[in-house]
Amino acid sequence: MTELLKTPSGRRIAFNRSPGAGPGVVFLGGFKSDMEGTKAVHLEAWARAQGRAFLRFDYSGHGESSEAFTDGCIGDWAEDAEAAITSLTEGPQILVGSSMGGWISLILATRIPDRIAGIVGIAAAPDFTEDSMWANFTDRQKAELADTGQVALPSDYGEPYIITRRMIEDGRNHLVLRQPMPLPFPVRLLQGTADADVERSVPLRILDHAEGADIRLTLVKGADHRFSTPECLWLIENSVAEVLDIVLSR
């Protein structure tokens, strides 16, 4: 059943929470996605079958949560995720971050390291506002962003994405691939070779900047950005289970 959490910033975050054993699993969705996506719902069913605590939620401006999408930015959504984890879960959690959720997972690794037992990144897209969006904007798009405060980008997933100047500028305050990243827990990165949104160079950059003893990258030939085929869903399950086994064996 969907419930609402009021964050310290006054935003109302929609969430679904399943009770179970710890460490729990938290799913962090992607850019303009929501908690009803295939991966989130599938992983929730898996966690319930395992008797494992599970949380999925919508960032502000996404799904059933409050605010408009165009009012949000990476900093807001990282705050939403931090509020959801600290308010709705107990003890260390396994974060499963899809696309933008992978970036937010890495931000939280520095903010609340004591609440993170491991990370599974699915087509993780850290720093995408700067390295993917801004870096590929034409001069005309950059001028439009400066003049009007927003620019529309085509999307393969429906209506165009409205990218605001605030989103780009705020993203620069949360870049994680410019300095070493301490990740002192098991990390599993999953990346499809047919991903049209996140280049294969991105998980390699994560590996270059990450500092930790147990960080692995799995490339899946032919998998796209959705990473939602039965084979990909099995791999996500298996990766979460592997991280849990390592954490529970310590």
Protein backbone atom coordinates (compact mmCIF):
# COMPACT_ATOMS: atom_id res chain seq x y z
CA MET A 1 0.00 0.00 0.00
CA THR A 2 1.36 3.40 -1.00
CA GLU A 3 2.08 5.79 1.88
CA LEU A 4 3.46 9.33 2.08
CA LEU A 5 6.53 10.64 3.91
CA LYS A 6 6.89 14.37 4.57
CA THR A 7 10.56 15.26 4.26
CA PRO A 8 12.38 18.00 6.24
CA SER A 9 12.09 20.14 3.10
CA GLY A 10 8.31 19.77 3.15
CA ARG A 11 8.06 17.54 0.09
CA ARG A 12 5.73 14.53 0.24
CA ILE A 13 7.37 11.32 -0.93
CA ALA A 14 5.24 8.35 -1.97
CA PHE A 15 6.62 4.98 -0.92
CA ASN A 16 5.89 1.28 -0.58
CA ARG A 17 7.61 -0.61 2.23
CA SER A 18 7.73 -4.34 2.92
CA PRO A 19 8.78 -5.63 6.36
CA GLY A 20 11.48 -8.24 6.69
CA ALA A 21 14.97 -9.06 7.87
CA GLY A 22 17.91 -6.70 7.62
CA PRO A 23 19.95 -5.55 5.95
CA GLY A 24 17.08 -4.31 3.84
CA VAL A 25 17.05 -3.48 0.14
CA VAL A 26 16.21 0.01 -1.18
CA PHE A 27 15.46 0.63 -4.86
CA LEU A 28 16.40 4.04 -6.25
CA GLY A 29 14.79 4.69 -9.61
CA GLY A 30 15.99 6.57 -12.65
CA PHE A 31 15.44 9.99 -14.17
CA LYS A 32 11.71 10.64 -14.66
CA SER A 33 10.96 7.04 -13.70
CA ASP A 34 8.80 5.86 -10.81
CA MET A 35 8.51 3.07 -8.27
CA GLU A 36 6.06 1.10 -10.42
CA GLY A 37 8.75 0.19 -12.94
CA THR A 38 9.53 -3.41 -13.87
CA LYS A 39 12.80 -3.64 -11.94
CA ALA A 40 11.43 -2.09 -8.73
CA VAL A 41 8.32 -4.25 -8.60
CA HIS A 42 10.20 -7.42 -9.56
CA LEU A 43 12.86 -6.85 -6.90
CA GLU A 44 10.19 -6.18 -4.30
CA ALA A 45 8.59 -9.57 -5.04
CA TRP A 46 12.00 -11.22 -4.80
CA ALA A 47 12.71 -9.55 -1.44
CA ARG A 48 9.34 -10.59 -0.04
CA ALA A 49 9.99 -14.19 -1.09
CA GLN A 50 13.33 -13.99 0.74
CA GLY A 51 11.78 -12.42 3.85
CA ARG A 52 13.97 -9.38 3.25
CA ALA A 53 12.92 -5.81 4.13
CA PHE A 54 12.38 -3.70 1.00
CA LEU A 55 11.66 -0.06 0.18
CA ARG A 56 10.78 1.64 -3.12
CA PHE A 57 9.73 5.28 -3.46
CA ASP A 58 9.17 8.15 -5.87
CA TYR A 59 11.44 11.19 -5.82
CA SER A 60 9.62 14.53 -5.68
CA GLY A 61 8.27 15.42 -9.09
CA HIS A 62 8.10 11.73 -9.97
CA GLY A 63 5.23 9.24 -9.81
CA GLU A 64 2.85 9.87 -6.92
CA SER A 65 5.09 12.25 -4.96
CA SER A 66 4.49 15.99 -4.63
CA GLU A 67 6.05 18.83 -6.63
CA ALA A 68 6.54 19.33 -10.37
CA PHE A 69 9.31 17.48 -12.18
CA THR A 70 10.66 20.73 -13.61
CA ASP A 71 11.09 22.16 -10.10
CA GLY A 72 13.48 19.38 -9.07
CA CYS A 73 17.19 18.69 -9.42
CA ILE A 74 19.78 16.11 -8.38
CA GLY A 75 20.28 17.73 -4.98
CA ASP A 76 16.55 17.61 -4.21
CA TRP A 77 16.26 14.00 -5.27
CA ALA A 78 19.32 12.98 -3.25
CA GLU A 79 17.71 14.70 -0.23
CA ASP A 80 14.50 12.76 -0.88
CA ALA A 81 16.41 9.48 -1.00
CA GLU A 82 18.33 10.30 2.18
CA ALA A 83 15.09 11.19 3.99
CA ALA A 84 13.42 7.97 2.82
CA ILE A 85 16.33 5.79 3.94
CA THR A 86 16.90 7.46 7.30
CA SER A 87 13.19 7.69 8.16
CA LEU A 88 11.77 4.47 6.72
CA THR A 89 14.50 1.86 7.20
CA GLU A 90 16.53 0.51 10.08
CA GLY A 91 20.25 -0.19 10.00
CA PRO A 92 22.47 -0.57 6.94
CA GLN A 93 20.77 -1.07 3.56
CA ILE A 94 21.67 -2.49 0.16
CA LEU A 95 21.05 0.31 -2.35
CA VAL A 96 19.98 -0.75 -5.84
CA GLY A 97 20.34 2.30 -8.05
CA SER A 98 19.05 2.34 -11.61
CA SER A 99 20.53 4.97 -13.96
CA MET A 100 20.19 8.27 -12.07
CA GLY A 101 19.57 6.16 -8.96
CA GLY A 102 23.13 4.90 -9.35
CA TRP A 103 24.40 8.48 -9.13
CA ILE A 104 22.27 9.15 -6.07
CA SER A 105 23.56 5.94 -4.45
CA LEU A 106 27.12 7.21 -4.86
CA ILE A 107 26.17 10.61 -3.39
CA LEU A 108 24.64 8.86 -0.38
CA ALA A 109 27.76 6.75 0.05
CA THR A 110 29.51 9.91 1.22
CA ARG A 111 26.54 11.40 3.12
CA ILE A 112 25.33 8.43 5.13
CA PRO A 113 28.03 5.74 4.82
CA ASP A 114 26.95 4.10 8.08
CA ARG A 115 23.53 3.34 6.56
CA ILE A 116 24.90 1.62 3.45
CA ALA A 117 25.94 -2.04 3.43
CA GLY A 118 26.44 -2.34 -0.32
CA ILE A 119 25.47 -0.96 -3.72
CA VAL A 120 24.18 -2.57 -6.90
CA GLY A 121 24.28 -0.12 -9.80
CA ILE A 122 22.17 -0.84 -12.90
CA ALA A 123 23.36 1.28 -15.85
CA ALA A 124 24.51 3.77 -13.23
CA ALA A 125 24.69 7.31 -14.63
CA PRO A 126 26.72 9.52 -12.29
CA ASP A 127 27.33 13.12 -13.42
CA PHE A 128 25.01 12.75 -16.44
CA THR A 129 23.70 16.32 -16.27
CA GLU A 130 27.23 17.57 -16.96
CA ASP A 131 28.91 14.80 -18.96
CA SER A 132 25.98 13.63 -21.05
CA MET A 133 23.54 16.54 -21.23
CA TRP A 134 25.57 19.75 -21.01
CA ALA A 135 28.56 18.31 -22.87
CA ASN A 136 26.32 17.40 -25.82
CA PHE A 137 24.19 20.53 -25.93
CA THR A 138 24.57 22.59 -29.07
CA ASP A 139 25.43 26.28 -28.81
CA ARG A 140 21.80 26.99 -29.64
CA GLN A 141 20.56 24.76 -26.80
CA LYS A 142 22.97 26.36 -24.34
CA ALA A 143 21.75 29.80 -25.40
CA GLU A 144 18.12 28.69 -25.02
CA LEU A 145 18.86 27.37 -21.55
CA ALA A 146 20.47 30.67 -20.58
CA ASP A 147 17.69 32.79 -22.08
CA THR A 148 14.57 30.84 -21.10
CA GLY A 149 15.81 28.70 -18.20
CA GLN A 150 14.96 25.41 -19.89
CA VAL A 151 15.42 23.28 -22.98
CA ALA A 152 13.44 20.30 -24.31
CA LEU A 153 15.28 17.09 -25.15
CA PRO A 154 13.72 14.23 -27.16
CA SER A 155 13.09 11.01 -25.25
CA ASP A 156 12.72 7.39 -26.34
CA TYR A 157 10.39 6.87 -23.38
CA GLY A 158 7.57 9.30 -24.20
CA GLU A 159 7.21 13.09 -24.08
CA PRO A 160 10.37 15.24 -24.28
CA TYR A 161 12.44 15.84 -21.19
CA ILE A 162 12.34 19.45 -19.99
CA ILE A 163 15.82 20.21 -18.67
CA THR A 164 16.10 23.32 -16.53
CA ARG A 165 19.05 25.60 -15.93
CA ARG A 166 18.72 24.85 -12.21
CA MET A 167 19.07 21.11 -12.90
CA ILE A 168 22.31 21.64 -14.83
CA GLU A 169 23.77 24.11 -12.34
CA ASP A 170 22.79 22.03 -9.31
CA GLY A 171 24.23 18.89 -10.91
CA ARG A 172 27.66 20.54 -10.83
CA ASN A 173 27.46 20.64 -7.04
CA HIS A 174 27.04 16.86 -6.86
CA LEU A 175 29.58 15.49 -9.35
CA VAL A 176 31.23 12.30 -8.08
CA LEU A 177 33.61 11.38 -10.89
CA ARG A 178 36.04 14.24 -10.24
CA GLN A 179 37.61 12.84 -7.10
CA PRO A 180 38.23 9.50 -5.37
CA MET A 181 35.10 7.77 -4.03
CA PRO A 182 35.50 5.68 -0.87
CA LEU A 183 33.20 2.66 -1.26
CA PRO A 184 34.16 0.39 1.66
CA PHE A 185 31.46 -2.21 0.98
CA PRO A 186 30.63 -4.65 -1.83
CA VAL A 187 29.65 -2.90 -5.06
CA ARG A 188 28.26 -4.60 -8.18
CA LEU A 189 27.88 -2.60 -11.40
CA LEU A 190 25.70 -3.97 -14.19
CA GLN A 191 25.90 -2.49 -17.69
CA GLY A 192 24.41 -3.46 -21.05
CA THR A 193 26.52 -3.15 -24.19
CA ALA A 194 23.49 -1.92 -26.19
CA ASP A 195 22.67 0.87 -23.73
CA ALA A 196 21.96 3.98 -25.83
CA ASP A 197 21.76 6.29 -22.78
CA VAL A 198 24.83 5.35 -20.71
CA GLU A 199 28.08 4.70 -22.55
CA ARG A 200 30.31 1.80 -21.54
CA SER A 201 32.96 4.32 -20.53
CA VAL A 202 30.81 5.42 -17.57
CA PRO A 203 31.11 2.28 -15.39
CA LEU A 204 34.82 2.20 -16.24
CA ARG A 205 35.13 5.75 -14.94
CA ILE A 206 33.35 4.65 -11.76
CA LEU A 207 35.93 1.89 -11.34
CA ASP A 208 38.75 4.39 -11.91
CA HIS A 209 37.51 6.69 -9.15
CA ALA A 210 36.13 4.13 -6.69
CA GLU A 211 38.23 3.11 -3.71
CA GLY A 212 37.21 -0.23 -2.24
CA ALA A 213 38.29 -3.85 -1.96
CA ASP A 214 35.21 -5.47 -3.52
CA ILE A 215 33.98 -3.63 -6.62
CA ARG A 216 33.05 -5.53 -9.77
CA LEU A 217 31.59 -4.67 -13.18
CA THR A 218 29.49 -7.06 -15.28
CA LEU A 219 28.88 -6.24 -18.96
CA VAL A 220 25.88 -7.90 -20.59
CA LYS A 221 26.11 -8.18 -24.35
CA GLY A 222 23.01 -6.87 -26.08
CA ALA A 223 21.27 -5.51 -22.97
CA ASP A 224 19.76 -2.02 -23.33
CA HIS A 225 19.24 0.77 -20.82
CA ARG A 226 16.00 -0.68 -19.45
CA PHE A 227 17.89 -3.82 -18.32
CA SER A 228 14.53 -5.52 -17.75
CA THR A 229 14.60 -8.78 -19.71
CA PRO A 230 14.12 -11.97 -17.64
CA GLU A 231 17.86 -12.60 -17.89
CA CYS A 232 18.69 -9.09 -16.69
CA LEU A 233 16.21 -9.29 -13.82
CA TRP A 234 17.79 -12.57 -12.74
CA LEU A 235 21.21 -10.93 -12.82
CA ILE A 236 19.94 -8.08 -10.63
CA GLU A 237 18.54 -10.59 -8.12
CA ASN A 238 21.76 -12.57 -8.17
CA SER A 239 23.87 -9.45 -7.63
CA VAL A 240 21.78 -8.32 -4.65
CA ALA A 241 21.90 -11.83 -3.19
CA GLU A 242 25.69 -11.92 -3.62
CA VAL A 243 26.12 -8.61 -1.82
CA LEU A 244 23.80 -9.77 0.97
CA ASP A 245 25.72 -13.01 1.39
CA ILE A 246 28.99 -11.09 1.75
CA VAL A 247 27.50 -8.64 4.26
CA LEU A 248 25.86 -11.37 6.35
CA SER A 249 29.06 -13.45 6.42
CA ARG A 250 31.03 -10.67 8.11
